[in-house]
Amino acid sequence: MNPLLKVFVNHKLSTMNASELIKFGEKYKITMSKPQASKVVQIIQSDRFDLFNDHIRKNVLTKITNEIDPALSESMDQLFTRFINSQNK
């Protein structure tokens, strides 16, 4: 994947707000409440999130599982995986 695109994607994820995350999730049939989205954003922004780093991504998903909802974490994992796979083609 293009390194510049990776930087752009990670920057967008680390600067999005809860409303943007909810709208993005709706495109992929992921529903979450505003408080859940706010907490996901907080988790992503509290770490040096790198969507393309397996270890960091898994740590974030574990936090989402433990602090918010395992089902939401699973949905986010599927979304992340789908995006990564689409970029590696």
N, C-alpha and C. Protein backbone atom coordinates (compact mmCIF):
# COMPACT_ATOMS: atom_id res chain seq x y z
N MET A 1 0.83 -1.18 0.00
CA MET A 1 0.00 0.00 0.00
C MET A 1 0.87 1.23 0.00
N ASN A 2 0.39 2.24 -0.65
CA ASN A 2 1.09 3.52 -0.73
C ASN A 2 1.30 4.09 0.68
N PRO A 3 2.55 4.39 1.07
CA PRO A 3 2.82 4.92 2.41
C PRO A 3 2.08 6.23 2.70
N LEU A 4 1.91 7.07 1.70
CA LEU A 4 1.20 8.33 1.90
C LEU A 4 -0.27 8.07 2.22
N LEU A 5 -0.86 7.09 1.56
CA LEU A 5 -2.24 6.74 1.84
C LEU A 5 -2.40 6.20 3.26
N LYS A 6 -1.43 5.42 3.72
CA LYS A 6 -1.47 4.92 5.10
C LYS A 6 -1.47 6.07 6.09
N VAL A 7 -0.62 7.06 5.85
CA VAL A 7 -0.55 8.23 6.74
C VAL A 7 -1.89 8.96 6.73
N PHE A 8 -2.45 9.15 5.55
CA PHE A 8 -3.73 9.84 5.43
C PHE A 8 -4.84 9.10 6.19
N VAL A 9 -4.94 7.79 5.99
CA VAL A 9 -5.97 6.99 6.65
C VAL A 9 -5.81 7.04 8.16
N ASN A 10 -4.60 6.86 8.66
CA ASN A 10 -4.37 6.89 10.10
C ASN A 10 -4.66 8.27 10.67
N HIS A 11 -4.31 9.31 9.93
CA HIS A 11 -4.60 10.67 10.39
C HIS A 11 -6.11 10.88 10.50
N LYS A 12 -6.84 10.46 9.48
CA LYS A 12 -8.30 10.62 9.50
C LYS A 12 -8.91 9.88 10.68
N LEU A 13 -8.47 8.66 10.92
CA LEU A 13 -9.00 7.88 12.04
C LEU A 13 -8.67 8.53 13.38
N SER A 14 -7.50 9.13 13.48
CA SER A 14 -7.10 9.72 14.75
C SER A 14 -7.69 11.11 14.98
N THR A 15 -8.34 11.68 13.96
CA THR A 15 -8.92 13.02 14.12
C THR A 15 -10.44 13.04 13.96
N MET A 16 -11.05 11.91 13.65
CA MET A 16 -12.50 11.92 13.45
C MET A 16 -13.22 12.07 14.78
N ASN A 17 -14.43 12.59 14.69
CA ASN A 17 -15.24 12.72 15.89
C ASN A 17 -16.32 11.63 15.89
N ALA A 18 -17.08 11.59 16.97
CA ALA A 18 -18.08 10.52 17.14
C ALA A 18 -19.13 10.54 16.03
N SER A 19 -19.58 11.73 15.64
CA SER A 19 -20.59 11.82 14.58
C SER A 19 -20.07 11.28 13.26
N GLU A 20 -18.82 11.58 12.94
CA GLU A 20 -18.21 11.06 11.71
C GLU A 20 -18.10 9.55 11.76
N LEU A 21 -17.72 9.02 12.93
CA LEU A 21 -17.60 7.57 13.08
C LEU A 21 -18.97 6.90 12.92
N ILE A 22 -20.00 7.49 13.47
CA ILE A 22 -21.35 6.92 13.33
C ILE A 22 -21.77 6.90 11.86
N LYS A 23 -21.54 8.00 11.15
CA LYS A 23 -21.89 8.06 9.73
C LYS A 23 -21.10 7.04 8.92
N PHE A 24 -19.82 6.92 9.23
CA PHE A 24 -18.98 5.94 8.55
C PHE A 24 -19.48 4.53 8.83
N GLY A 25 -19.80 4.25 10.07
CA GLY A 25 -20.31 2.94 10.45
C GLY A 25 -21.61 2.59 9.75
N GLU A 26 -22.48 3.58 9.58
CA GLU A 26 -23.77 3.34 8.92
C GLU A 26 -23.58 2.82 7.50
N LYS A 27 -22.54 3.30 6.82
CA LYS A 27 -22.27 2.83 5.46
C LYS A 27 -22.02 1.33 5.42
N TYR A 28 -21.50 0.80 6.51
CA TYR A 28 -21.14 -0.61 6.58
C TYR A 28 -22.03 -1.39 7.54
N LYS A 29 -23.20 -0.83 7.82
CA LYS A 29 -24.20 -1.51 8.65
C LYS A 29 -23.70 -1.79 10.07
N ILE A 30 -22.88 -0.87 10.59
CA ILE A 30 -22.43 -0.95 11.97
C ILE A 30 -23.16 0.13 12.75
N THR A 31 -23.98 -0.29 13.68
CA THR A 31 -24.71 0.69 14.47
C THR A 31 -24.06 0.82 15.84
N MET A 32 -24.01 2.07 16.27
CA MET A 32 -23.47 2.34 17.60
C MET A 32 -24.13 3.61 18.11
N SER A 33 -24.22 3.69 19.40
CA SER A 33 -24.79 4.89 20.01
C SER A 33 -23.73 6.00 20.02
N LYS A 34 -24.19 7.20 20.26
CA LYS A 34 -23.26 8.34 20.36
C LYS A 34 -22.25 8.12 21.49
N PRO A 35 -22.68 7.65 22.68
CA PRO A 35 -21.69 7.38 23.73
C PRO A 35 -20.67 6.30 23.34
N GLN A 36 -21.14 5.26 22.65
CA GLN A 36 -20.21 4.22 22.19
C GLN A 36 -19.22 4.80 21.18
N ALA A 37 -19.71 5.57 20.24
CA ALA A 37 -18.83 6.17 19.23
C ALA A 37 -17.83 7.11 19.89
N SER A 38 -18.28 7.87 20.86
CA SER A 38 -17.38 8.78 21.58
C SER A 38 -16.27 8.01 22.27
N LYS A 39 -16.62 6.89 22.88
CA LYS A 39 -15.62 6.07 23.57
C LYS A 39 -14.65 5.44 22.58
N VAL A 40 -15.15 4.96 21.43
CA VAL A 40 -14.26 4.40 20.40
C VAL A 40 -13.28 5.46 19.94
N VAL A 41 -13.79 6.67 19.68
CA VAL A 41 -12.92 7.76 19.25
C VAL A 41 -11.87 8.05 20.32
N GLN A 42 -12.30 8.07 21.56
CA GLN A 42 -11.37 8.32 22.67
C GLN A 42 -10.28 7.25 22.71
N ILE A 43 -10.65 6.00 22.54
CA ILE A 43 -9.67 4.91 22.56
C ILE A 43 -8.69 5.05 21.40
N ILE A 44 -9.21 5.32 20.21
CA ILE A 44 -8.35 5.46 19.04
C ILE A 44 -7.39 6.64 19.22
N GLN A 45 -7.90 7.74 19.77
CA GLN A 45 -7.08 8.93 19.91
C GLN A 45 -6.13 8.87 21.09
N SER A 46 -6.36 7.97 22.03
CA SER A 46 -5.47 7.89 23.20
C SER A 46 -4.20 7.10 22.89
N ASP A 47 -4.24 6.31 21.85
CA ASP A 47 -3.07 5.53 21.44
C ASP A 47 -2.54 6.10 20.13
N ARG A 48 -1.37 5.72 19.77
CA ARG A 48 -0.85 6.07 18.44
C ARG A 48 -1.41 5.01 17.49
N PHE A 49 -2.66 5.20 17.15
CA PHE A 49 -3.36 4.20 16.36
C PHE A 49 -2.76 4.08 14.97
N ASP A 50 -2.54 2.84 14.57
CA ASP A 50 -2.06 2.53 13.22
C ASP A 50 -2.88 1.35 12.73
N LEU A 51 -3.80 1.65 11.84
CA LEU A 51 -4.70 0.63 11.32
C LEU A 51 -3.94 -0.54 10.71
N PHE A 52 -2.76 -0.29 10.20
CA PHE A 52 -2.00 -1.29 9.46
C PHE A 52 -1.00 -2.06 10.33
N ASN A 53 -0.97 -1.76 11.62
CA ASN A 53 -0.11 -2.47 12.56
C ASN A 53 -0.99 -3.44 13.34
N ASP A 54 -0.79 -4.74 13.10
CA ASP A 54 -1.64 -5.77 13.73
C ASP A 54 -1.67 -5.65 15.24
N HIS A 55 -0.53 -5.46 15.87
CA HIS A 55 -0.44 -5.40 17.33
C HIS A 55 -1.24 -4.22 17.88
N ILE A 56 -1.05 -3.06 17.33
CA ILE A 56 -1.75 -1.86 17.79
C ILE A 56 -3.25 -1.99 17.55
N ARG A 57 -3.62 -2.46 16.37
CA ARG A 57 -5.03 -2.62 16.04
C ARG A 57 -5.70 -3.61 17.00
N LYS A 58 -5.04 -4.71 17.30
CA LYS A 58 -5.61 -5.70 18.22
C LYS A 58 -5.74 -5.15 19.63
N ASN A 59 -4.78 -4.33 20.07
CA ASN A 59 -4.88 -3.70 21.39
C ASN A 59 -6.09 -2.77 21.46
N VAL A 60 -6.30 -2.01 20.42
CA VAL A 60 -7.46 -1.11 20.38
C VAL A 60 -8.75 -1.92 20.39
N LEU A 61 -8.81 -2.98 19.62
CA LEU A 61 -10.01 -3.82 19.59
C LEU A 61 -10.26 -4.48 20.95
N THR A 62 -9.20 -4.87 21.64
CA THR A 62 -9.35 -5.43 22.98
C THR A 62 -9.94 -4.40 23.93
N LYS A 63 -9.48 -3.16 23.84
CA LYS A 63 -10.04 -2.09 24.68
C LYS A 63 -11.50 -1.86 24.36
N ILE A 64 -11.86 -1.89 23.07
CA ILE A 64 -13.26 -1.72 22.69
C ILE A 64 -14.09 -2.87 23.27
N THR A 65 -13.56 -4.09 23.21
CA THR A 65 -14.24 -5.25 23.78
C THR A 65 -14.46 -5.07 25.27
N ASN A 66 -13.42 -4.70 25.98
CA ASN A 66 -13.47 -4.61 27.44
C ASN A 66 -14.23 -3.39 27.96
N GLU A 67 -14.13 -2.27 27.25
CA GLU A 67 -14.69 -1.02 27.76
C GLU A 67 -16.04 -0.64 27.16
N ILE A 68 -16.38 -1.24 26.01
CA ILE A 68 -17.62 -0.82 25.35
C ILE A 68 -18.52 -2.03 25.11
N ASP A 69 -18.17 -2.85 24.10
CA ASP A 69 -19.06 -3.94 23.72
C ASP A 69 -18.32 -4.91 22.81
N PRO A 70 -18.29 -6.19 23.17
CA PRO A 70 -17.62 -7.17 22.31
C PRO A 70 -18.18 -7.24 20.90
N ALA A 71 -19.49 -7.09 20.74
CA ALA A 71 -20.09 -7.15 19.41
C ALA A 71 -19.64 -5.97 18.56
N LEU A 72 -19.52 -4.80 19.16
CA LEU A 72 -19.04 -3.63 18.44
C LEU A 72 -17.58 -3.83 18.04
N SER A 73 -16.80 -4.40 18.92
CA SER A 73 -15.40 -4.68 18.62
C SER A 73 -15.28 -5.63 17.43
N GLU A 74 -16.12 -6.64 17.40
CA GLU A 74 -16.11 -7.61 16.29
C GLU A 74 -16.47 -6.91 14.98
N SER A 75 -17.47 -6.05 15.03
CA SER A 75 -17.86 -5.31 13.82
C SER A 75 -16.74 -4.39 13.35
N MET A 76 -16.09 -3.71 14.28
CA MET A 76 -14.98 -2.82 13.93
C MET A 76 -13.82 -3.62 13.35
N ASP A 77 -13.57 -4.79 13.91
CA ASP A 77 -12.50 -5.64 13.40
C ASP A 77 -12.79 -6.06 11.96
N GLN A 78 -14.03 -6.45 11.69
CA GLN A 78 -14.40 -6.83 10.32
C GLN A 78 -14.25 -5.65 9.37
N LEU A 79 -14.64 -4.47 9.82
CA LEU A 79 -14.50 -3.27 9.00
C LEU A 79 -13.04 -2.96 8.72
N PHE A 80 -12.21 -2.99 9.77
CA PHE A 80 -10.78 -2.73 9.60
C PHE A 80 -10.15 -3.74 8.64
N THR A 81 -10.48 -5.02 8.83
CA THR A 81 -9.91 -6.08 8.00
C THR A 81 -10.34 -5.91 6.55
N ARG A 82 -11.60 -5.59 6.36
CA ARG A 82 -12.11 -5.38 5.00
C ARG A 82 -11.38 -4.23 4.31
N PHE A 83 -11.16 -3.15 5.05
CA PHE A 83 -10.46 -2.01 4.47
C PHE A 83 -9.01 -2.36 4.14
N ILE A 84 -8.34 -3.02 5.06
CA ILE A 84 -6.93 -3.39 4.84
C ILE A 84 -6.82 -4.31 3.63
N ASN A 85 -7.69 -5.31 3.56
CA ASN A 85 -7.65 -6.25 2.43
C ASN A 85 -7.93 -5.55 1.10
N SER A 86 -8.81 -4.59 1.11
CA SER A 86 -9.12 -3.89 -0.14
C SER A 86 -7.94 -3.03 -0.60
N GLN A 87 -7.13 -2.58 0.33
CA GLN A 87 -5.98 -1.74 -0.02
C GLN A 87 -4.78 -2.57 -0.46
N ASN A 88 -4.76 -3.84 -0.09
CA ASN A 88 -3.63 -4.69 -0.44
C ASN A 88 -3.81 -5.38 -1.78
N LYS A 89 -4.88 -5.12 -2.47
CA LYS A 89 -5.12 -5.76 -3.77
C LYS A 89 -4.45 -4.98 -4.86
